[in-house]
N, C-alpha and C. Protein backbone atom coordinates (compact mmCIF):
# COMPACT_ATOMS: atom_id res chain seq x y z
N VAL A 1 -11.64 -12.50 4.40
CA VAL A 1 -10.80 -11.22 4.32
C VAL A 1 -11.15 -10.32 3.23
N LYS A 2 -11.20 -11.05 2.10
CA LYS A 2 -11.46 -10.28 0.81
C LYS A 2 -12.77 -9.60 1.10
N ARG A 3 -14.15 -10.26 1.47
CA ARG A 3 -15.12 -9.86 1.72
C ARG A 3 -15.28 -8.59 2.74
N ALA A 4 -14.46 -8.56 3.58
CA ALA A 4 -14.50 -7.52 4.57
C ALA A 4 -13.70 -6.41 3.87
N VAL A 5 -12.66 -6.29 3.83
CA VAL A 5 -12.11 -5.58 2.81
C VAL A 5 -13.08 -4.65 1.73
N GLU A 6 -13.66 -5.61 1.14
CA GLU A 6 -14.62 -4.94 -0.40
C GLU A 6 -15.27 -4.00 0.29
N GLU A 7 -15.86 -4.68 1.34
CA GLU A 7 -17.24 -4.01 2.29
C GLU A 7 -16.75 -2.75 2.77
N ILE A 8 -15.72 -2.55 3.62
CA ILE A 8 -15.18 -1.37 4.15
C ILE A 8 -14.76 -0.74 2.82
N SER A 9 -14.08 -0.75 1.88
CA SER A 9 -13.52 0.09 0.83
C SER A 9 -14.67 0.38 -0.34
N GLN A 10 -15.74 -0.65 -0.02
CA GLN A 10 -16.86 -0.30 -0.88
C GLN A 10 -16.22 -0.77 -2.55
N GLU A 11 -15.41 -1.44 -2.73
CA GLU A 11 -15.33 -1.64 -4.00
C GLU A 11 -14.86 -3.24 -4.09
N SER A 12 -15.00 -3.40 -5.37
CA SER A 12 -14.45 -5.27 -5.37
C SER A 12 -13.08 -5.49 -6.27
N PHE A 13 -12.83 -6.16 -5.71
CA PHE A 13 -11.37 -6.55 -6.13
C PHE A 13 -11.22 -8.11 -6.79
N ASN A 14 -10.54 -8.39 -7.54
CA ASN A 14 -9.86 -9.88 -8.41
C ASN A 14 -8.70 -10.32 -8.04
N SER A 15 -7.73 -9.50 -7.36
CA SER A 15 -6.57 -10.11 -7.01
C SER A 15 -5.64 -9.74 -5.87
N VAL A 16 -5.14 -10.42 -5.55
CA VAL A 16 -4.43 -10.26 -4.34
C VAL A 16 -3.01 -10.43 -4.25
N LEU A 17 -2.19 -9.49 -4.01
CA LEU A 17 -0.53 -9.38 -3.97
C LEU A 17 -0.36 -9.73 -2.12
N LEU A 18 0.77 -10.63 -2.07
CA LEU A 18 1.23 -10.88 -0.54
C LEU A 18 2.82 -10.68 -0.68
N ASN A 19 2.98 -9.57 0.47
CA ASN A 19 4.27 -9.10 0.53
C ASN A 19 4.56 -9.82 1.95
N TYR A 20 5.53 -10.45 2.05
CA TYR A 20 6.10 -10.80 3.75
C TYR A 20 7.49 -10.13 3.92
N TYR A 21 7.71 -9.30 4.95
CA TYR A 21 8.40 -8.80 5.22
C TYR A 21 9.33 -9.54 6.42
N ARG A 22 10.11 -9.92 6.53
CA ARG A 22 10.81 -10.93 7.40
C ARG A 22 11.29 -10.23 8.87
N ASN A 23 11.40 -9.03 8.44
CA ASN A 23 12.19 -8.38 9.60
C ASN A 23 12.21 -6.70 9.24
N GLY A 24 12.66 -5.64 9.71
CA GLY A 24 12.94 -4.15 9.97
C GLY A 24 13.81 -4.20 8.43
N ASN A 25 14.76 -5.04 8.19
CA ASN A 25 15.85 -5.23 6.73
C ASN A 25 15.15 -4.97 5.67
N ASP A 26 13.69 -5.56 5.33
CA ASP A 26 13.07 -5.99 4.47
C ASP A 26 12.67 -4.77 4.00
N ARG A 27 11.93 -4.00 2.87
CA ARG A 27 11.49 -2.96 2.52
C ARG A 27 10.89 -3.28 1.07
N MET A 28 10.12 -2.17 0.81
CA MET A 28 9.53 -2.16 -0.42
C MET A 28 9.94 -0.64 -1.02
N GLY A 29 10.73 -0.37 -2.08
CA GLY A 29 11.06 1.20 -2.62
C GLY A 29 10.20 1.92 -3.08
N TRP A 30 10.65 3.19 -3.69
CA TRP A 30 9.61 4.01 -4.10
C TRP A 30 8.85 3.49 -5.37
N HIS A 31 7.57 3.81 -5.52
CA HIS A 31 6.79 3.29 -6.57
C HIS A 31 5.45 3.81 -6.53
N ALA A 32 4.80 3.87 -7.68
CA ALA A 32 3.54 3.91 -7.81
C ALA A 32 2.86 2.81 -8.46
N ASP A 33 1.41 2.58 -7.89
CA ASP A 33 0.77 1.27 -8.55
C ASP A 33 0.00 2.04 -9.89
N ASP A 34 0.78 2.22 -10.92
CA ASP A 34 0.11 2.68 -11.94
C ASP A 34 0.52 1.96 -13.31
N GLU A 35 0.45 0.75 -13.02
CA GLU A 35 0.62 -0.44 -14.44
C GLU A 35 -0.90 -0.48 -15.04
N LYS A 36 -0.64 -0.49 -16.05
CA LYS A 36 -1.75 -0.23 -17.33
C LYS A 36 -3.01 -1.35 -16.95
N GLU A 37 -2.82 -2.36 -16.52
CA GLU A 37 -3.73 -3.59 -16.30
C GLU A 37 -4.64 -3.00 -15.06
N LEU A 38 -4.30 -1.89 -14.20
CA LEU A 38 -4.90 -1.79 -12.87
C LEU A 38 -6.02 -0.16 -13.59
N GLY A 39 -5.69 -0.06 -14.45
CA GLY A 39 -6.61 1.08 -14.79
C GLY A 39 -6.23 2.63 -14.91
N THR A 40 -7.02 3.65 -14.84
CA THR A 40 -6.63 4.63 -14.83
C THR A 40 -6.36 5.35 -13.29
N ASN A 41 -7.70 5.23 -13.01
CA ASN A 41 -7.61 5.47 -11.09
C ASN A 41 -7.83 4.02 -10.34
N PRO A 42 -6.78 3.38 -10.23
CA PRO A 42 -7.34 2.22 -9.28
C PRO A 42 -7.12 2.12 -7.72
N VAL A 43 -8.08 1.54 -7.12
CA VAL A 43 -8.02 1.42 -5.92
C VAL A 43 -7.16 0.40 -5.36
N ILE A 44 -6.46 0.69 -4.91
CA ILE A 44 -5.89 -0.36 -3.91
C ILE A 44 -6.06 -0.40 -2.40
N ALA A 45 -6.15 -1.52 -1.95
CA ALA A 45 -6.69 -1.93 -0.20
C ALA A 45 -5.50 -2.83 0.27
N SER A 46 -4.93 -2.27 1.28
CA SER A 46 -3.71 -2.54 1.68
C SER A 46 -3.83 -2.97 3.28
N LEU A 47 -3.86 -4.15 3.46
CA LEU A 47 -3.95 -5.01 4.95
C LEU A 47 -2.76 -5.39 5.48
N SER A 48 -2.28 -4.87 6.60
CA SER A 48 -1.19 -5.27 7.14
C SER A 48 -1.99 -6.12 8.56
N PHE A 49 -0.58 -7.01 8.87
CA PHE A 49 -0.50 -8.02 10.09
C PHE A 49 0.59 -8.25 10.30
N GLY A 50 0.99 -7.84 11.79
CA GLY A 50 2.08 -7.96 12.34
C GLY A 50 2.93 -6.59 12.94
N ALA A 51 4.26 -6.36 12.71
CA ALA A 51 4.67 -5.57 13.54
C ALA A 51 4.48 -4.46 12.49
N THR A 52 4.44 -2.99 13.37
CA THR A 52 4.10 -1.67 12.58
C THR A 52 5.10 -1.26 11.80
N ARG A 53 4.67 -0.94 10.69
CA ARG A 53 6.01 -0.25 9.96
C ARG A 53 5.32 0.94 9.30
N ASN A 54 6.42 1.84 8.93
CA ASN A 54 5.69 2.99 8.37
C ASN A 54 5.83 2.97 6.79
N PHE A 55 4.44 3.48 6.33
CA PHE A 55 4.21 3.83 5.11
C PHE A 55 4.76 5.42 4.82
N GLN A 56 5.45 5.53 3.46
CA GLN A 56 5.72 6.96 3.52
C GLN A 56 5.20 7.06 2.02
N LEU A 57 4.71 8.36 1.68
CA LEU A 57 4.24 8.98 0.37
C LEU A 57 5.21 10.19 0.16
N GLN A 58 5.40 10.32 -1.13
CA GLN A 58 6.13 11.45 -1.64
C GLN A 58 5.49 12.16 -2.96
N HIS A 59 5.00 13.23 -3.32
CA HIS A 59 4.64 13.91 -4.23
C HIS A 59 5.62 13.60 -5.33
N ARG A 60 4.97 13.09 -6.58
CA ARG A 60 5.76 12.78 -7.68
C ARG A 60 6.26 14.04 -8.30
N LEU A 61 5.70 15.53 -8.09
CA LEU A 61 5.89 16.36 -8.94
C LEU A 61 6.43 17.76 -8.07
N GLU A 62 5.93 18.14 -7.16
CA GLU A 62 5.90 18.72 -6.09
C GLU A 62 7.00 18.44 -5.06
N LYS A 63 8.34 18.59 -5.40
CA LYS A 63 9.48 18.04 -4.37
C LYS A 63 9.39 18.91 -2.65
N SER A 64 8.49 19.99 -3.03
CA SER A 64 8.31 21.14 -1.74
C SER A 64 7.70 20.43 -0.75
N ILE A 65 6.75 19.32 -1.39
CA ILE A 65 5.81 19.06 -0.38
C ILE A 65 6.08 18.07 0.52
N PRO A 66 6.30 18.17 1.67
CA PRO A 66 7.02 17.10 2.61
C PRO A 66 6.66 15.64 2.40
N LYS A 67 7.51 14.57 2.83
CA LYS A 67 6.85 13.54 2.62
C LYS A 67 6.16 13.22 3.92
N GLN A 68 4.73 12.25 3.45
CA GLN A 68 4.09 11.98 4.60
C GLN A 68 4.00 10.47 5.40
N SER A 69 4.19 10.27 6.32
CA SER A 69 4.24 9.27 6.79
C SER A 69 3.09 8.50 7.75
N ILE A 70 2.69 7.33 7.37
CA ILE A 70 1.70 6.55 8.29
C ILE A 70 2.13 5.23 8.86
N ALA A 71 1.84 5.26 10.07
CA ALA A 71 2.24 3.99 11.03
C ALA A 71 0.83 3.05 10.55
N LEU A 72 1.48 1.94 9.80
CA LEU A 72 0.68 0.68 9.92
C LEU A 72 0.84 -0.45 10.41
N ASN A 73 -0.26 0.11 11.64
CA ASN A 73 -0.13 -0.95 12.74
C ASN A 73 -1.03 -2.47 12.20
N ASP A 74 -0.71 -3.54 13.27
CA ASP A 74 -1.46 -4.75 12.85
C ASP A 74 -2.74 -4.53 12.83
N ALA A 75 -3.43 -5.11 11.74
CA ALA A 75 -4.80 -5.15 11.46
C ALA A 75 -5.42 -4.10 10.48
N SER A 76 -4.16 -3.40 10.28
CA SER A 76 -4.69 -1.66 9.46
C SER A 76 -5.19 -1.94 8.07
N LEU A 77 -5.87 -1.26 7.60
CA LEU A 77 -6.21 -1.27 6.23
C LEU A 77 -6.12 0.36 5.72
N LEU A 78 -5.07 0.53 4.55
CA LEU A 78 -5.26 1.70 4.40
C LEU A 78 -5.63 1.60 2.42
N VAL A 79 -6.33 2.48 2.11
CA VAL A 79 -7.06 2.30 0.87
C VAL A 79 -6.49 3.86 0.14
N MET A 80 -6.06 3.37 -0.96
CA MET A 80 -5.66 4.42 -2.30
C MET A 80 -6.42 4.63 -3.19
N GLN A 81 -6.65 5.65 -3.42
CA GLN A 81 -8.12 5.64 -4.53
C GLN A 81 -7.62 6.87 -5.37
N GLY A 82 -8.81 7.28 -6.28
CA GLY A 82 -8.59 8.23 -7.00
C GLY A 82 -7.27 8.73 -7.97
N GLU A 83 -6.62 9.93 -8.19
CA GLU A 83 -5.65 10.25 -8.58
C GLU A 83 -4.55 9.67 -7.80
N THR A 84 -4.42 9.29 -6.75
CA THR A 84 -3.38 9.11 -5.94
C THR A 84 -1.92 8.49 -6.54
N GLN A 85 -2.11 7.56 -7.60
CA GLN A 85 -1.39 6.93 -8.35
C GLN A 85 -0.33 7.86 -9.19
N HIS A 86 -0.96 8.97 -9.46
CA HIS A 86 -0.90 10.38 -10.58
C HIS A 86 0.17 10.79 -10.01
N TYR A 87 -0.18 11.03 -8.79
CA TYR A 87 0.76 12.33 -7.95
C TYR A 87 1.50 11.79 -6.94
N TRP A 88 1.40 10.87 -6.24
CA TRP A 88 2.23 10.27 -5.26
C TRP A 88 3.14 8.84 -5.64
N LYS A 89 4.18 8.80 -5.02
CA LYS A 89 4.87 7.61 -4.99
C LYS A 89 4.71 6.92 -3.47
N HIS A 90 5.03 5.90 -3.17
CA HIS A 90 4.98 5.38 -1.93
C HIS A 90 5.80 4.02 -1.67
N GLN A 91 6.47 3.88 -0.43
CA GLN A 91 7.29 3.07 -0.16
C GLN A 91 7.17 2.43 1.20
N ILE A 92 7.63 1.20 1.68
CA ILE A 92 7.74 0.88 3.00
C ILE A 92 9.46 0.98 3.26
N PRO A 93 9.99 1.77 3.84
CA PRO A 93 11.36 1.80 4.21
C PRO A 93 11.88 0.86 5.33
N LYS A 94 13.34 0.56 5.16
CA LYS A 94 13.80 -0.34 6.09
C LYS A 94 13.77 0.69 7.39
N GLN A 95 13.11 -0.60 8.85
CA GLN A 95 13.00 0.31 10.15
C GLN A 95 14.13 -0.96 10.88
N LYS A 96 15.09 -0.34 11.75
CA LYS A 96 15.53 -1.40 12.95
C LYS A 96 14.88 -2.12 13.69
N ASN A 97 15.02 -3.20 14.37
CA ASN A 97 14.55 -3.82 15.29
C ASN A 97 12.78 -3.75 15.11
N LYS A 98 12.32 -4.69 13.86
CA LYS A 98 11.09 -4.73 13.49
C LYS A 98 10.89 -6.28 13.32
N GLY A 99 9.92 -6.69 14.01
CA GLY A 99 9.60 -8.30 13.62
C GLY A 99 8.91 -8.36 12.56
N PRO A 100 8.47 -9.49 12.18
CA PRO A 100 7.84 -10.03 10.71
C PRO A 100 6.42 -9.20 10.43
N ARG A 101 5.82 -9.08 9.30
CA ARG A 101 4.58 -8.15 8.87
C ARG A 101 4.69 -8.97 7.62
N ILE A 102 3.40 -9.17 7.34
CA ILE A 102 2.45 -9.69 6.42
C ILE A 102 1.46 -8.61 5.66
N ASN A 103 2.00 -8.35 4.42
CA ASN A 103 0.74 -7.44 3.45
C ASN A 103 -0.03 -8.08 2.81
N LEU A 104 -0.82 -7.66 2.89
CA LEU A 104 -2.06 -8.14 1.66
C LEU A 104 -2.69 -6.93 0.80
N THR A 105 -2.58 -6.57 -0.50
CA THR A 105 -2.96 -5.50 -1.70
C THR A 105 -3.75 -6.01 -2.28
N PHE A 106 -5.07 -5.65 -2.45
CA PHE A 106 -6.29 -6.19 -3.22
C PHE A 106 -6.25 -5.01 -4.22
N ARG A 107 -6.80 -5.58 -5.18
CA ARG A 107 -6.38 -4.97 -6.60
C ARG A 107 -7.77 -5.05 -7.60
N LYS A 108 -8.08 -4.32 -8.58
CA LYS A 108 -8.60 -5.13 -9.61
C LYS A 108 -8.42 -5.17 -10.91
N ILE A 109 -7.58 -5.93 -11.43
CA ILE A 109 -7.12 -6.42 -13.00
C ILE A 109 -8.00 -5.95 -13.83
N ILE A 110 -7.61 -5.21 -14.81
CA ILE A 110 -8.78 -5.22 -15.64
C ILE A 110 -8.02 -5.87 -16.94
N TYR A 111 -8.51 -7.10 -17.47
CA TYR A 111 -8.31 -7.80 -18.64
C TYR A 111 -8.64 -7.03 -19.66
């Protein structure tokens, strides 16, 4: 799985975070992946399995920019790169009547 994600994204990763969403009540709140150990412009590759969930983006500075929503279907890969984490927050909101979902988030930790 890691090699396939690296081939598609043209990046190398040394860490993966697994999130399990039991149902539509589980969520991940607004945040940016801007931790120091991820570097200045981290590449984050997010691979989803299971129920389709909405991935939402909100600009951190320009509140007039509408929130964006992307449906993450089973086996979808979303890659965030460049200055995304500087200017955008993201979340997986609660959604009624959703089944289980697993998300693998690949990152490169700088030691």
